[in-house]
Each structure stands twice: as structure tokens, then as C-alpha cells.
Amino acid sequence: MSAITENSGAVLDEAHVGDIRGALGTIRVDDTGVRRGPGAKLKTLLAIVGPGLIVMVGDNDAGAFATYGQAGQNYGTHLLWTLLLLVPVLYVNQEMVLRLGAVTGVGHARLILERFGRFWGAFSVLDLFLLNALTLVTEFIGITLATGYLGLPKVPSVLLAAAVIVAAAFTGSFRRFERIAITFCAGSLVLIPIALLAHPPAGQLAHDFVVPSLPAGSSGMSTLMLLIIGIVGTTVAPWQLFFQQSYVIDKRITPRFLRYEKADLWLGILIVVVGAAAVMAFTAAVFTGTGGEGHFTDTAGIAQGLRAAAGRTAGALFAVALLDASVIGAFAVSLSSAYALGDVLGVNHSLHRGVGHAKGFYAAYAGLVAVAAVIVLVPGSPLGLLTEGVQTLAGVLLPSATVFLLLLCTDRDVLGPWVNRRATTVFTAIVAGVLVTLSVVLTAAVLFPSITAGQILLIMACCAGVGALAAVYAVLSGRGRPAPVPVDRAGRVSWRMPPLTELPRPALSTGRKIGLGLLRGYLLAAMVLVVVKIVETVLGQ
């Protein structure tokens, strides 16, 4: 396969080629010099910082605050270890996505469409829009809870927040948007002083972070297990994959800067884990031994508990942190949808363009924000059920996103010398299997609310058995085939994916066809059943 020059290839919008104009620095397109010395490397890193930081901090949004707060209020710090286990999952998933973006120049939804057909391309975009619309509603719920605690009127607060979210993207300048987004990311650090004001026991935190354990004598084991699944779902969300890949492309990051982008990703992971741990820690410290322990309601209740236990400053800071998290989450979620739509339809889709030169892109962004704001302001909207529905649907649909991510990153026509190494492929396959298992459990829990811990374990055991059989089949079916040609990774820094029209159609094995067919059937059935169940609950109320 021939090499493609670094700034050509399959990019679908010419605005995606040119100087890197980051919030904290610029790298000219003709700057091909080697970075020598700490000063030059730091300047390059500062110019690159953005995609990994924003996607990770954006994931610590209003829904995440509620999930981590529930874990801390109901179970203390006993579930901190789940965050440590998620670190390699976060890194591997997002590293594959940023590699796809830098090497291909094509967004996630478009690659799925071109490599796996119209059904999966349409499915990926439609479920992304559905999930993101619901997720945006939860962000505005967070905005109303935060501003309500601060004593601000609901309607003006929601309208002002929507205006800020839309205006940040409508500047026609990628750099201005990124500076605004990174400023909000910095605001998330306010969670650290809140934790210090609450005085959580440091020794207990350290122990529970590295030693997996379950609350002793906790009642409702099925509820606990579903909360753990919820932590996974809120930390690893489908929109992250679509946002990160397209944002890397829009920032014009090429393979030669992947090392710096990985450092940016690690920075984001560090901040998201510290933030999540802080929420669990100060919530546990505030409610342990009180009448509120084990009776989580919403994030407004956390703010009130902080005010009672640690003072007005702590409560107000938490409300500000919740407002900040909701806005940065809305930035990222709205952009992921706008990018996906532009990528699939082939219309201009770049923050480097003004509104007049990318009307569809900005219309999709603003439209989603407006719909979410209106839903929150409609009297009687079932906001609690919508929040629950977001978490459930995200958990149900996440496995498909991970499966396609894995298939794309093992496609030599797409990534050439950048394809996954064997260890990454094996690890991601295991993660995909675990996510499918959690998805099945979550679907069953919605359909059968009285599900027991024993039944959950039985479902997990059955899924593990199916996974083991699939692994055995893969090993046996691979015997007798010629060994694959080793990947030549020489010169990969300048390699880019050729235009999509020049790529041969992927040849799917019988096993993959069967697997994708089963996945298609399960996702359609599970999504319909979950939506029907939520609608029935709404009508019943």
C-alpha cells in the first residue's frame, strides 16, 4: 500500500487541513522540524492539548455527578476501585479513536458507513442522535438543579445557558471555541477544594481506591450491581468515540503529533478520575452516619448536604461545579452529533468555518441544544425517567460502538501501519465482551425491575459461556489458514489513509457476519423494548 502525504488522504472538509490553531499555541502546517529540548516539546504539547482533555472532562457531566454522588451517599467510598479499573478501558478506547482520526481524516460514523454498509452507518448516527438528545436533557436538568440551589430563576437560567452553549461554537473560530471549552475544563478542578472542605478520611480513600470490596452487609445486592454497571456506563459513553475522532480531525492533528495527543488524553483521564473520586469522597464524608445515608435523591440533595456538613461555601462550590460540568458536557455532546451528521452527509462540518459556510453543521448543533432546553422547561416533563433512560440506552448501545471501533482498528486498509497490535486487540475484545454482558444485564433490569442478584449473576455466567465458545471458535477457525503477513510499521508517521473511494470493500468472515447479525438483532430488540418500557412508565404516572 502506498504512502499518502501527511496532509492529503481522505479528509472530507478542506478546513480540516492547515495550521494547528489550538487554545494554547499554534503549529504551522509547514513546521516539520524535530522537537528538541523540554521547551520545544512543552510548546508543542500546549498547542496540541484539547481533544483528550475536553472529551474526558466532558464525560464528568451532570449524569456522572448523579451516579458518583449516589455511589458515595449510598455506599460510602467502597466503590472507588471501579474508577481505577476503568482507567485502562478509557485509555485504550480513546487512544484507538484518536489514532483513527489522525490517520484517516474521516469521522467515526462515516467510516462505519463506508466499511460496514448503510444499515450500520444509519444506525450509528440515529442512535447517536437519540442518545445525545436525551443526554443533553440531563445536562439541562443539571443546570436547573445548580441554578435553583443558587437561587436563580429557572427559565432565564436555562435560556442563558443555552445561549452560552450555542454562542461558544458559533464564533467561527476553532481557537476561540477551544479556549472557552478549556476554561470550563479548568473549572472542574473546583471539586478538589470541595473534597478538602468535607474532610474525607485519606487512609480509607487510598484503601478503597486500590482494594476492590463491596459494602459489608449491604441490602439490595442487585441495586448495588446495577449501580456499578451505571458507573461503567457513565464513564465510557458512545458519544466520546464520535466526538474525539472528529475533534482530532477538526484540530488538524496528524500522526506525527500522536505522542503529544496521547499525553493530552492522559491529562484528561487524570482529571476525570480525580473529579469522580472527589465526588464519591466528599459525598461519602458528608452523608455517612446521617439520616441521608442510603437515600440519594439528586445532585441538589448533595449540595444541601454539603452546606449542612461543611458550610455554605462547600454547597455553593458544588452547585458551580455542577453547572460547569453540565455546560462542558453540552458542548461535547452537541458537537459529536453535528460532526457525525456533517461527516455522513458530506456537508461542511468544521469549527474553523463561520455559520454561513457550514449551515447544516451549526443548525444540528443549535437544534439539539434548543430541543433539550425546551423539554426541560415544559411543565410536567418526566425528567427523572429521562435521566434513567439515558443511562440505560447508553449501556445498551455502547457494545456496538466498541465492536466497530475494534473492527476499524484492525482493518489494514484503513489504518495500514497504524493497525492495532495484538495485545490491544485482545484487550479490547475482552472489554467488548464485558460491555455486551453489562448491556444484557441492564436491559433485563429495565424489563424486569424485580431482578435479583442471583439472576444477574446467572446472566453474566451465560454471557461468559457464550464468549468462551466464541473465543474457541475463533481459535479453531483460524487453524490451517496461512499466517497473516506481518505489519510493516516503517514510515508510518507520514502514512495517511487513501480516499475512501480507493479502498477495497472489506471481506467479512462467516464468523463476523454471524456476530454482526446477532448484534444487530439484539440491539434493535433491546432498544425497542427499553424505549417501550420507559414510555409505559411515563404513561402509567
Protein backbone atom coordinates (compact mmCIF):
# COMPACT_ATOMS: atom_id res chain seq x y z
CA MET A 1 0.00 0.00 0.00
CA SER A 2 1.47 3.32 -0.98
CA ALA A 3 2.06 6.10 1.46
CA ILE A 4 -0.13 9.17 1.34
CA THR A 5 1.32 12.58 2.08
CA GLU A 6 0.62 13.78 5.57
CA ASN A 7 -1.87 16.50 4.69
CA SER A 8 -3.79 14.67 1.98
CA GLY A 9 -5.82 11.46 2.06
CA ALA A 10 -9.48 11.04 2.77
CA VAL A 11 -10.31 14.29 4.58
CA LEU A 12 -13.87 15.30 3.72
CA ASP A 13 -13.68 19.00 4.56
CA GLU A 14 -10.82 21.15 3.29
CA ALA A 15 -10.99 23.18 6.52
CA HIS A 16 -9.52 20.11 8.24
CA VAL A 17 -6.14 20.77 6.61
CA GLY A 18 -3.83 23.59 7.66
CA ASP A 19 -2.19 25.11 10.71
CA ILE A 20 -2.99 23.68 14.13
CA ARG A 21 -4.52 26.64 15.98
CA GLY A 22 -5.04 25.36 19.50
CA ALA A 23 -6.18 27.28 22.54
CA LEU A 24 -2.66 27.38 23.95
CA GLY A 25 -0.47 27.60 20.86
CA THR A 26 -0.03 27.28 17.09
CA ILE A 27 1.84 24.78 14.91
CA ARG A 28 2.21 25.84 11.29
CA VAL A 29 1.44 23.28 8.63
CA ASP A 30 4.94 23.66 7.16
CA ASP A 31 6.61 23.22 10.57
CA THR A 32 8.24 19.81 10.13
CA GLY A 33 11.18 20.31 12.45
CA VAL A 34 12.17 17.87 15.16
CA ARG A 35 11.25 18.98 18.69
CA ARG A 36 14.44 19.08 20.75
CA GLY A 37 14.65 20.10 24.37
CA PRO A 38 11.96 20.39 27.06
CA GLY A 39 10.93 23.91 25.98
CA ALA A 40 10.12 22.98 22.39
CA LYS A 41 8.28 19.83 23.47
CA LEU A 42 6.23 21.72 26.04
CA LYS A 43 5.20 24.35 23.47
CA THR A 44 4.11 21.58 21.10
CA LEU A 45 2.15 19.83 23.85
CA LEU A 46 0.37 23.05 24.79
CA ALA A 47 -0.67 23.58 21.17
CA ILE A 48 -1.99 20.01 20.94
CA VAL A 49 -3.82 19.91 24.30
CA GLY A 50 -7.59 19.93 23.86
CA PRO A 51 -9.25 16.85 22.35
CA GLY A 52 -8.36 14.38 25.10
CA LEU A 53 -8.91 16.90 27.87
CA ILE A 54 -12.32 18.05 26.62
CA VAL A 55 -13.67 14.57 25.86
CA MET A 56 -12.69 13.26 29.29
CA VAL A 57 -13.80 16.25 31.36
CA GLY A 58 -16.99 16.44 29.30
CA ASP A 59 -17.75 12.91 30.42
CA ASN A 60 -17.83 14.06 34.06
CA ASP A 61 -21.15 15.75 33.31
CA ALA A 62 -24.43 16.15 35.18
CA GLY A 63 -25.34 12.46 34.80
CA ALA A 64 -21.91 11.42 36.06
CA PHE A 65 -22.23 13.70 39.10
CA ALA A 66 -25.53 11.99 39.95
CA THR A 67 -24.08 8.49 39.53
CA TYR A 68 -20.92 9.15 41.55
CA GLY A 69 -22.95 11.02 44.16
CA GLN A 70 -25.33 8.09 44.52
CA ALA A 71 -22.38 5.73 44.96
CA GLY A 72 -20.87 7.93 47.67
CA GLN A 73 -24.11 8.68 49.52
CA ASN A 74 -25.43 5.12 49.47
CA TYR A 75 -22.23 3.08 49.76
CA GLY A 76 -19.53 5.40 51.07
CA THR A 77 -16.14 5.06 49.37
CA HIS A 78 -16.46 1.30 48.83
CA LEU A 79 -16.86 1.69 45.04
CA LEU A 80 -13.84 3.90 44.42
CA TRP A 81 -11.96 0.91 42.99
CA THR A 82 -14.28 0.86 39.96
CA LEU A 83 -12.65 4.10 38.77
CA LEU A 84 -9.16 2.57 38.84
CA LEU A 85 -10.34 -0.44 36.82
CA LEU A 86 -11.83 1.87 34.20
CA VAL A 87 -8.57 3.74 33.53
CA PRO A 88 -7.14 1.20 31.02
CA VAL A 89 -10.54 0.92 29.34
CA LEU A 90 -10.75 4.69 28.94
CA TYR A 91 -7.24 4.95 27.57
CA VAL A 92 -7.38 2.05 25.11
CA ASN A 93 -10.78 3.06 23.69
CA GLN A 94 -9.88 6.72 23.25
CA GLU A 95 -6.34 6.01 22.01
CA MET A 96 -7.80 3.90 19.19
CA VAL A 97 -10.23 6.69 18.32
CA LEU A 98 -7.61 9.43 18.21
CA ARG A 99 -5.41 7.17 16.07
CA LEU A 100 -8.32 6.67 13.66
CA GLY A 101 -8.90 10.41 13.47
CA ALA A 102 -5.29 11.42 12.92
CA VAL A 103 -4.59 8.73 10.32
CA THR A 104 -7.86 8.63 8.34
CA GLY A 105 -9.16 12.20 8.39
CA VAL A 106 -12.68 10.73 8.40
CA GLY A 107 -15.19 10.71 11.27
CA HIS A 108 -16.33 7.61 13.10
CA ALA A 109 -19.85 7.46 11.63
CA ARG A 110 -18.57 7.85 8.04
CA LEU A 111 -16.04 5.05 8.47
CA ILE A 112 -18.75 2.72 9.80
CA LEU A 113 -20.99 3.65 6.86
CA GLU A 114 -18.27 3.03 4.26
CA ARG A 115 -16.81 -0.14 5.76
CA PHE A 116 -19.95 -1.90 7.03
CA GLY A 117 -22.80 -0.61 4.89
CA ARG A 118 -25.74 1.77 5.05
CA PHE A 119 -27.59 -0.04 7.82
CA TRP A 120 -24.82 0.30 10.36
CA GLY A 121 -23.94 3.80 9.20
CA ALA A 122 -27.54 4.97 9.59
CA PHE A 123 -27.94 3.04 12.84
CA SER A 124 -24.82 4.60 14.35
CA VAL A 125 -25.95 8.14 13.50
CA LEU A 126 -29.58 7.66 14.54
CA ASP A 127 -28.77 6.08 17.88
CA LEU A 128 -26.14 8.76 18.47
CA PHE A 129 -28.72 11.50 17.84
CA LEU A 130 -31.26 9.81 20.12
CA LEU A 131 -28.77 9.27 22.91
CA ASN A 132 -27.26 12.73 22.60
CA ALA A 133 -30.64 14.44 22.62
CA LEU A 134 -31.53 12.64 25.84
CA THR A 135 -28.08 13.28 27.30
CA LEU A 136 -28.44 16.99 26.59
CA VAL A 137 -31.69 16.95 28.54
CA THR A 138 -29.78 15.59 31.55
CA GLU A 139 -27.23 18.40 31.15
CA PHE A 140 -30.01 20.99 31.32
CA ILE A 141 -31.51 19.17 34.31
CA GLY A 142 -28.13 19.65 35.96
CA ILE A 143 -28.22 23.34 35.02
CA THR A 144 -31.67 23.77 36.61
CA LEU A 145 -30.62 21.97 39.81
CA ALA A 146 -27.43 24.03 40.11
CA THR A 147 -29.03 27.40 39.40
CA GLY A 148 -32.04 26.52 41.57
CA TYR A 149 -29.75 25.86 44.53
CA LEU A 150 -28.02 29.19 43.90
CA GLY A 151 -31.42 30.92 43.99
CA LEU A 152 -31.56 31.82 40.29
CA PRO A 153 -34.84 31.68 38.31
CA LYS A 154 -35.28 28.58 36.17
CA VAL A 155 -36.39 29.92 32.79
CA PRO A 156 -33.82 32.74 32.42
CA SER A 157 -31.06 30.41 33.68
CA VAL A 158 -31.85 27.70 31.13
CA LEU A 159 -32.15 30.21 28.28
CA LEU A 160 -28.90 31.93 29.23
CA ALA A 161 -27.06 28.60 29.49
CA ALA A 162 -28.41 27.53 26.08
CA ALA A 163 -27.27 30.85 24.61
CA VAL A 164 -23.76 30.42 26.04
CA ILE A 165 -23.52 26.84 24.75
CA VAL A 166 -24.60 27.88 21.24
CA ALA A 167 -22.56 31.09 21.13
CA ALA A 168 -19.34 29.28 22.10
CA ALA A 169 -19.48 27.23 18.90
CA PHE A 170 -20.85 29.99 16.65
CA THR A 171 -17.74 32.17 16.79
CA GLY A 172 -16.40 30.79 13.51
CA SER A 173 -13.05 30.22 15.20
CA PHE A 174 -11.80 26.84 16.35
CA ARG A 175 -9.31 28.52 18.69
CA ARG A 176 -11.96 30.65 20.41
CA PHE A 177 -14.19 27.63 20.99
CA GLU A 178 -11.33 25.59 22.40
CA ARG A 179 -10.29 28.40 24.74
CA ILE A 180 -13.83 28.62 26.08
CA ALA A 181 -14.04 24.83 26.47
CA ILE A 182 -10.68 24.55 28.24
CA THR A 183 -11.68 27.36 30.60
CA PHE A 184 -14.71 25.31 31.61
CA CYS A 185 -12.47 22.24 31.93
CA ALA A 186 -10.31 24.17 34.39
CA GLY A 187 -13.48 24.96 36.33
CA SER A 188 -13.95 21.26 37.05
CA LEU A 189 -10.93 21.42 39.37
CA VAL A 190 -13.16 23.14 41.95
CA LEU A 191 -14.18 19.62 43.02
CA ILE A 192 -10.82 19.25 44.79
CA PRO A 193 -11.30 22.08 47.34
CA ILE A 194 -14.85 20.82 47.96
CA ALA A 195 -13.40 17.44 48.95
CA LEU A 196 -10.88 19.17 51.24
CA LEU A 197 -13.69 21.12 52.94
CA ALA A 198 -15.59 17.87 53.58
CA HIS A 199 -12.51 16.25 55.26
CA PRO A 200 -12.86 12.67 53.94
CA PRO A 201 -10.61 10.09 55.66
CA ALA A 202 -7.47 9.92 53.49
CA GLY A 203 -6.45 6.43 54.61
CA GLN A 204 -9.85 4.96 53.81
CA LEU A 205 -9.86 6.66 50.41
CA ALA A 206 -6.46 5.23 49.49
CA HIS A 207 -7.50 1.73 50.60
CA ASP A 208 -10.85 1.71 48.77
CA PHE A 209 -9.29 3.12 45.61
CA VAL A 210 -6.84 0.23 45.17
CA VAL A 211 -8.56 -2.66 47.02
CA PRO A 212 -11.83 -3.91 45.43
CA SER A 213 -14.55 -4.51 48.01
CA LEU A 214 -18.31 -4.42 48.38
CA PRO A 215 -20.17 -2.72 51.23
CA ALA A 216 -20.42 -5.16 54.15
CA GLY A 217 -23.94 -6.35 54.78
CA SER A 218 -25.42 -4.08 52.14
CA SER A 219 -29.02 -4.82 51.30
CA GLY A 220 -30.28 -4.83 47.76
CA MET A 221 -27.32 -6.52 46.07
CA SER A 222 -28.99 -6.23 42.68
CA THR A 223 -29.26 -2.44 43.15
CA LEU A 224 -25.58 -2.30 44.02
CA MET A 225 -24.61 -4.32 40.96
CA LEU A 226 -26.71 -2.12 38.70
CA LEU A 227 -25.05 0.98 40.17
CA ILE A 228 -21.62 -0.47 39.33
CA ILE A 229 -22.85 -1.01 35.79
CA GLY A 230 -24.10 2.58 35.83
CA ILE A 231 -20.62 3.82 36.78
CA VAL A 232 -19.20 1.97 33.78
CA GLY A 233 -21.89 3.37 31.51
CA THR A 234 -21.46 6.96 32.62
CA THR A 235 -17.67 6.80 32.36
CA VAL A 236 -17.47 5.10 28.95
CA ALA A 237 -20.11 6.71 26.72
CA PRO A 238 -20.71 6.20 22.95
CA TRP A 239 -20.63 9.94 22.15
CA GLN A 240 -17.00 10.08 23.31
CA LEU A 241 -15.85 7.97 20.35
CA PHE A 242 -17.60 10.14 17.77
CA PHE A 243 -16.53 13.41 19.39
CA GLN A 244 -12.87 12.55 19.90
CA GLN A 245 -12.29 11.27 16.37
CA SER A 246 -13.93 14.26 14.69
CA TYR A 247 -12.40 16.82 17.03
CA VAL A 248 -8.90 15.45 16.40
CA ILE A 249 -9.59 15.84 12.67
CA ASP A 250 -11.00 19.34 13.08
CA LYS A 251 -7.95 20.38 15.09
CA ARG A 252 -5.82 19.13 12.17
CA ILE A 253 -3.75 16.75 14.27
CA THR A 254 -1.72 14.37 12.10
CA PRO A 255 0.13 11.15 13.01
CA ARG A 256 3.39 12.94 13.78
CA PHE A 257 1.73 14.54 16.81
CA LEU A 258 0.04 11.40 18.19
CA ARG A 259 2.56 11.11 21.03
CA TYR A 260 1.55 14.57 22.26
CA GLU A 261 -2.13 13.80 21.81
CA LYS A 262 -1.73 10.68 23.96
CA ALA A 263 -0.25 12.88 26.69
CA ASP A 264 -3.31 15.14 26.33
CA LEU A 265 -5.54 12.07 26.74
CA TRP A 266 -3.71 11.00 29.90
CA LEU A 267 -4.18 14.51 31.30
CA GLY A 268 -7.92 14.25 30.67
CA ILE A 269 -8.11 10.79 32.25
CA LEU A 270 -6.25 12.02 35.34
CA ILE A 271 -8.67 14.93 35.78
CA VAL A 272 -11.78 12.80 35.21
CA VAL A 273 -10.69 10.13 37.70
CA VAL A 274 -9.69 12.72 40.32
CA GLY A 275 -13.01 14.51 39.83
CA ALA A 276 -15.08 11.34 40.07
CA ALA A 277 -13.17 10.21 43.16
CA ALA A 278 -13.66 13.64 44.75
CA VAL A 279 -17.45 13.47 44.25
CA MET A 280 -17.61 9.99 45.80
CA ALA A 281 -15.29 11.05 48.63
CA PHE A 282 -17.00 14.24 49.78
CA THR A 283 -20.48 12.75 49.32
CA ALA A 284 -19.50 9.78 51.48
CA ALA A 285 -17.92 12.06 54.11
CA VAL A 286 -20.99 14.28 54.28
CA PHE A 287 -23.67 11.58 54.49
CA THR A 288 -22.00 8.70 56.36
CA GLY A 289 -23.70 8.20 59.71
CA THR A 290 -26.55 10.60 58.91
CA GLY A 291 -30.19 10.10 58.07
CA GLY A 292 -29.39 10.86 54.45
CA GLU A 293 -27.06 7.89 54.07
CA GLY A 294 -28.51 5.41 51.60
CA HIS A 295 -31.28 7.78 50.48
CA PHE A 296 -29.90 9.51 47.41
CA THR A 297 -32.36 11.72 45.55
CA ASP A 298 -30.50 14.04 43.17
CA THR A 299 -27.47 16.32 42.96
CA ALA A 300 -29.36 19.17 44.63
CA GLY A 301 -29.56 16.96 47.71
CA ILE A 302 -25.75 16.64 47.64
CA ALA A 303 -25.39 20.43 47.63
CA GLN A 304 -27.75 20.72 50.59
CA GLY A 305 -25.87 18.01 52.46
CA LEU A 306 -22.58 19.78 51.83
CA ARG A 307 -24.00 23.05 53.13
CA ALA A 308 -25.22 21.35 56.30
CA ALA A 309 -21.99 19.45 56.97
CA ALA A 310 -19.23 21.64 55.50
CA GLY A 311 -20.73 25.09 55.24
CA ARG A 312 -22.32 27.37 52.64
CA THR A 313 -19.12 27.71 50.65
CA ALA A 314 -18.93 23.96 50.01
CA GLY A 315 -22.57 23.81 48.90
CA ALA A 316 -22.19 26.82 46.59
CA LEU A 317 -18.96 25.48 45.09
CA PHE A 318 -20.65 22.17 44.32
CA ALA A 319 -23.50 23.97 42.56
CA VAL A 320 -20.96 25.92 40.49
CA ALA A 321 -19.10 22.69 39.68
CA LEU A 322 -22.37 21.03 38.61
CA LEU A 323 -23.23 24.00 36.39
CA ASP A 324 -19.74 23.94 34.87
CA ALA A 325 -19.91 20.19 34.24
CA SER A 326 -23.32 20.46 32.59
CA VAL A 327 -22.13 23.17 30.18
CA ILE A 328 -18.91 21.41 29.13
CA GLY A 329 -20.89 18.18 28.70
CA ALA A 330 -23.37 20.01 26.47
CA PHE A 331 -20.51 21.39 24.36
CA ALA A 332 -19.09 17.95 23.66
CA VAL A 333 -22.37 16.06 23.20
CA SER A 334 -23.80 18.63 20.77
CA LEU A 335 -20.60 18.74 18.75
CA SER A 336 -20.39 14.95 18.44
CA SER A 337 -23.83 14.91 16.78
CA ALA A 338 -23.06 17.85 14.48
CA TYR A 339 -19.76 16.31 13.41
CA ALA A 340 -21.38 12.92 12.71
CA LEU A 341 -24.15 14.48 10.62
CA GLY A 342 -21.70 16.54 8.58
CA ASP A 343 -19.38 13.60 8.11
CA VAL A 344 -22.08 11.25 6.82
CA LEU A 345 -23.91 13.80 4.64
CA GLY A 346 -20.67 15.25 3.25
CA VAL A 347 -21.53 18.84 4.18
CA ASN A 348 -19.06 21.33 5.65
CA HIS A 349 -18.51 20.49 9.31
CA SER A 350 -15.74 22.43 10.97
CA LEU A 351 -15.41 24.97 13.77
CA HIS A 352 -12.90 26.73 11.50
CA ARG A 353 -15.83 27.78 9.30
CA GLY A 354 -18.31 30.54 10.00
CA VAL A 355 -22.03 29.86 10.23
CA GLY A 356 -22.61 30.95 6.64
CA HIS A 357 -20.20 28.33 5.30
CA ALA A 358 -21.45 25.37 7.39
CA LYS A 359 -25.17 25.96 7.89
CA GLY A 360 -26.15 22.31 8.37
CA PHE A 361 -23.38 21.70 10.90
CA TYR A 362 -24.34 24.66 13.08
CA ALA A 363 -28.06 24.02 12.65
CA ALA A 364 -27.67 20.49 14.01
CA TYR A 365 -25.65 21.79 16.97
CA ALA A 366 -28.07 24.58 17.86
CA GLY A 367 -31.15 22.45 17.17
CA LEU A 368 -30.17 19.78 19.68
CA VAL A 369 -29.43 22.39 22.34
CA ALA A 370 -32.76 24.15 21.72
CA VAL A 371 -34.80 20.93 21.89
CA ALA A 372 -33.16 19.87 25.15
CA ALA A 373 -33.74 23.29 26.73
CA VAL A 374 -37.42 23.30 25.70
CA ILE A 375 -38.00 19.78 27.11
CA VAL A 376 -36.59 20.81 30.48
CA LEU A 377 -38.80 23.90 30.59
CA VAL A 378 -42.03 22.06 29.67
CA PRO A 379 -44.08 21.64 32.88
CA GLY A 380 -44.58 18.02 33.88
CA SER A 381 -41.73 16.60 31.79
CA PRO A 382 -40.62 13.24 33.27
CA LEU A 383 -37.07 14.44 33.87
CA GLY A 384 -36.17 11.66 36.28
CA LEU A 385 -37.22 8.98 33.83
CA LEU A 386 -35.36 10.72 31.01
CA THR A 387 -32.17 10.64 33.09
CA GLU A 388 -32.67 6.94 33.79
CA GLY A 389 -33.43 6.33 30.11
CA VAL A 390 -30.17 7.97 29.04
CA GLN A 391 -28.08 5.72 31.26
CA THR A 392 -29.97 2.64 30.17
CA LEU A 393 -29.82 3.33 26.43
CA ALA A 394 -26.14 4.29 26.66
CA GLY A 395 -25.41 0.99 28.34
CA VAL A 396 -27.44 -0.94 25.77
CA LEU A 397 -25.83 0.72 22.73
CA LEU A 398 -22.23 1.03 23.96
CA PRO A 399 -21.16 -2.51 22.92
CA SER A 400 -21.87 -1.82 19.24
CA ALA A 401 -19.68 1.29 19.33
CA THR A 402 -16.83 -0.69 20.89
CA VAL A 403 -17.20 -3.59 18.45
CA PHE A 404 -16.98 -1.31 15.41
CA LEU A 405 -14.09 0.58 16.95
CA LEU A 406 -12.21 -2.71 17.27
CA LEU A 407 -13.03 -3.80 13.72
CA LEU A 408 -11.91 -0.47 12.28
CA CYS A 409 -8.65 -0.53 14.21
CA THR A 410 -7.78 -3.98 12.88
CA ASP A 411 -8.59 -3.01 9.28
CA ARG A 412 -5.26 -2.71 7.43
CA ASP A 413 -6.84 -0.84 4.52
CA VAL A 414 -7.98 1.87 6.94
CA LEU A 415 -5.00 2.15 9.29
CA GLY A 416 -2.16 0.50 7.37
CA PRO A 417 0.91 0.51 9.65
CA TRP A 418 -1.19 2.03 12.45
CA VAL A 419 -3.42 -1.03 12.97
CA ASN A 420 -3.76 -2.44 16.47
CA ARG A 421 -1.06 -4.55 17.95
CA ARG A 422 -2.19 -7.99 19.08
CA ALA A 423 -2.28 -7.12 22.80
CA THR A 424 -4.53 -4.11 22.16
CA THR A 425 -6.88 -6.21 20.04
CA VAL A 426 -7.17 -8.95 22.67
CA PHE A 427 -7.75 -6.47 25.48
CA THR A 428 -10.41 -4.56 23.51
CA ALA A 429 -12.15 -7.82 22.55
CA ILE A 430 -12.38 -8.71 26.24
CA VAL A 431 -13.71 -5.23 27.05
CA ALA A 432 -16.31 -5.56 24.28
CA GLY A 433 -17.42 -8.89 25.73
CA VAL A 434 -17.76 -7.38 29.20
CA LEU A 435 -19.75 -4.44 27.81
CA VAL A 436 -22.11 -6.77 25.96
CA THR A 437 -22.66 -8.66 29.23
CA LEU A 438 -23.38 -5.45 31.15
CA SER A 439 -25.70 -4.32 28.37
CA VAL A 440 -27.73 -7.54 28.62
CA VAL A 441 -27.94 -7.19 32.40
CA LEU A 442 -29.05 -3.57 32.15
CA THR A 443 -31.72 -4.42 29.57
CA ALA A 444 -33.02 -7.25 31.75
CA ALA A 445 -33.12 -4.96 34.80
CA VAL A 446 -35.27 -2.41 32.94
CA LEU A 447 -37.68 -5.04 31.65
CA PHE A 448 -37.81 -6.88 35.00
CA PRO A 449 -37.32 -4.34 37.81
CA SER A 450 -37.53 -7.05 40.49
CA ILE A 451 -34.49 -8.89 39.11
CA THR A 452 -32.37 -10.47 41.86
CA ALA A 453 -28.61 -10.59 42.35
CA GLY A 454 -28.66 -14.32 41.63
CA GLN A 455 -30.39 -13.77 38.30
CA ILE A 456 -27.88 -11.08 37.38
CA LEU A 457 -25.02 -13.46 38.13
CA LEU A 458 -26.75 -16.15 36.03
CA ILE A 459 -26.97 -13.77 33.07
CA MET A 460 -23.30 -12.91 33.48
CA ALA A 461 -22.36 -16.58 33.61
CA CYS A 462 -24.34 -17.33 30.44
CA CYS A 463 -22.72 -14.41 28.61
CA ALA A 464 -19.30 -15.57 29.78
CA GLY A 465 -20.04 -19.05 28.43
CA VAL A 466 -21.09 -17.66 25.07
CA GLY A 467 -17.94 -15.53 24.98
CA ALA A 468 -15.76 -18.54 25.75
CA LEU A 469 -17.40 -20.53 22.95
CA ALA A 470 -16.86 -17.61 20.54
CA ALA A 471 -13.18 -17.48 21.51
CA VAL A 472 -12.78 -21.22 20.97
CA TYR A 473 -14.49 -20.92 17.57
CA ALA A 474 -12.16 -18.08 16.59
CA VAL A 475 -9.10 -20.13 17.52
CA LEU A 476 -10.28 -23.29 15.75
CA SER A 477 -11.43 -21.47 12.62
CA GLY A 478 -8.03 -19.79 12.38
CA ARG A 479 -6.16 -23.08 12.26
CA GLY A 480 -4.98 -24.15 8.85
CA ARG A 481 -5.07 -20.64 7.48
CA PRO A 482 -1.81 -19.05 6.32
CA ALA A 483 -0.22 -16.79 8.90
CA PRO A 484 -1.04 -13.12 8.32
CA VAL A 485 1.67 -11.00 6.73
CA PRO A 486 3.49 -9.03 9.46
CA VAL A 487 2.64 -5.35 9.58
CA ASP A 488 5.39 -3.11 8.26
CA ARG A 489 5.33 -0.11 10.57
CA ALA A 490 8.25 1.69 8.96
CA GLY A 491 7.46 5.20 7.76
CA ARG A 492 4.08 5.26 9.45
CA VAL A 493 4.44 8.88 10.63
CA SER A 494 3.76 10.11 7.08
CA TRP A 495 1.14 7.46 6.21
CA ARG A 496 -2.48 8.54 5.77
CA MET A 497 -5.50 6.53 4.69
CA PRO A 498 -6.21 6.83 0.95
CA PRO A 499 -9.51 8.36 -0.20
CA LEU A 500 -12.47 6.15 0.71
CA THR A 501 -13.30 5.52 -2.95
CA GLU A 502 -9.91 3.84 -3.39
CA LEU A 503 -10.32 1.37 -0.54
CA PRO A 504 -11.36 -2.21 -1.37
CA ARG A 505 -14.55 -3.42 0.26
CA PRO A 506 -13.77 -5.31 3.48
CA ALA A 507 -14.13 -9.08 3.32
CA LEU A 508 -16.09 -10.27 6.36
CA SER A 509 -15.60 -13.83 7.52
CA THR A 510 -18.59 -16.08 8.23
CA GLY A 511 -17.98 -15.72 11.95
CA ARG A 512 -18.00 -11.93 11.76
CA LYS A 513 -21.16 -11.92 9.64
CA ILE A 514 -22.92 -14.12 12.19
CA GLY A 515 -21.65 -11.99 15.05
CA LEU A 516 -22.72 -8.71 13.45
CA GLY A 517 -26.10 -10.20 12.60
CA LEU A 518 -26.67 -11.29 16.20
CA LEU A 519 -25.51 -7.89 17.44
CA ARG A 520 -27.87 -6.14 15.04
CA GLY A 521 -30.83 -8.22 16.20
CA TYR A 522 -30.03 -7.79 19.89
CA LEU A 523 -29.54 -4.02 19.66
CA LEU A 524 -32.76 -3.44 17.75
CA ALA A 525 -34.80 -5.63 20.10
CA ALA A 526 -33.21 -4.26 23.28
CA MET A 527 -33.55 -0.63 22.21
CA VAL A 528 -37.22 -1.04 21.26
CA LEU A 529 -38.04 -2.90 24.48
CA VAL A 530 -36.28 -0.33 26.66
CA VAL A 531 -38.00 2.61 24.93
CA VAL A 532 -41.40 0.91 25.19
CA LYS A 533 -40.83 0.20 28.88
CA ILE A 534 -39.90 3.83 29.59
CA VAL A 535 -42.94 5.10 27.65
CA GLU A 536 -45.21 2.71 29.57
CA THR A 537 -43.79 4.01 32.85
CA VAL A 538 -44.37 7.62 31.79
CA LEU A 539 -47.97 6.92 30.77
CA GLY A 540 -48.53 4.99 33.97
CA GLN A 541 -47.52 8.01 36.01
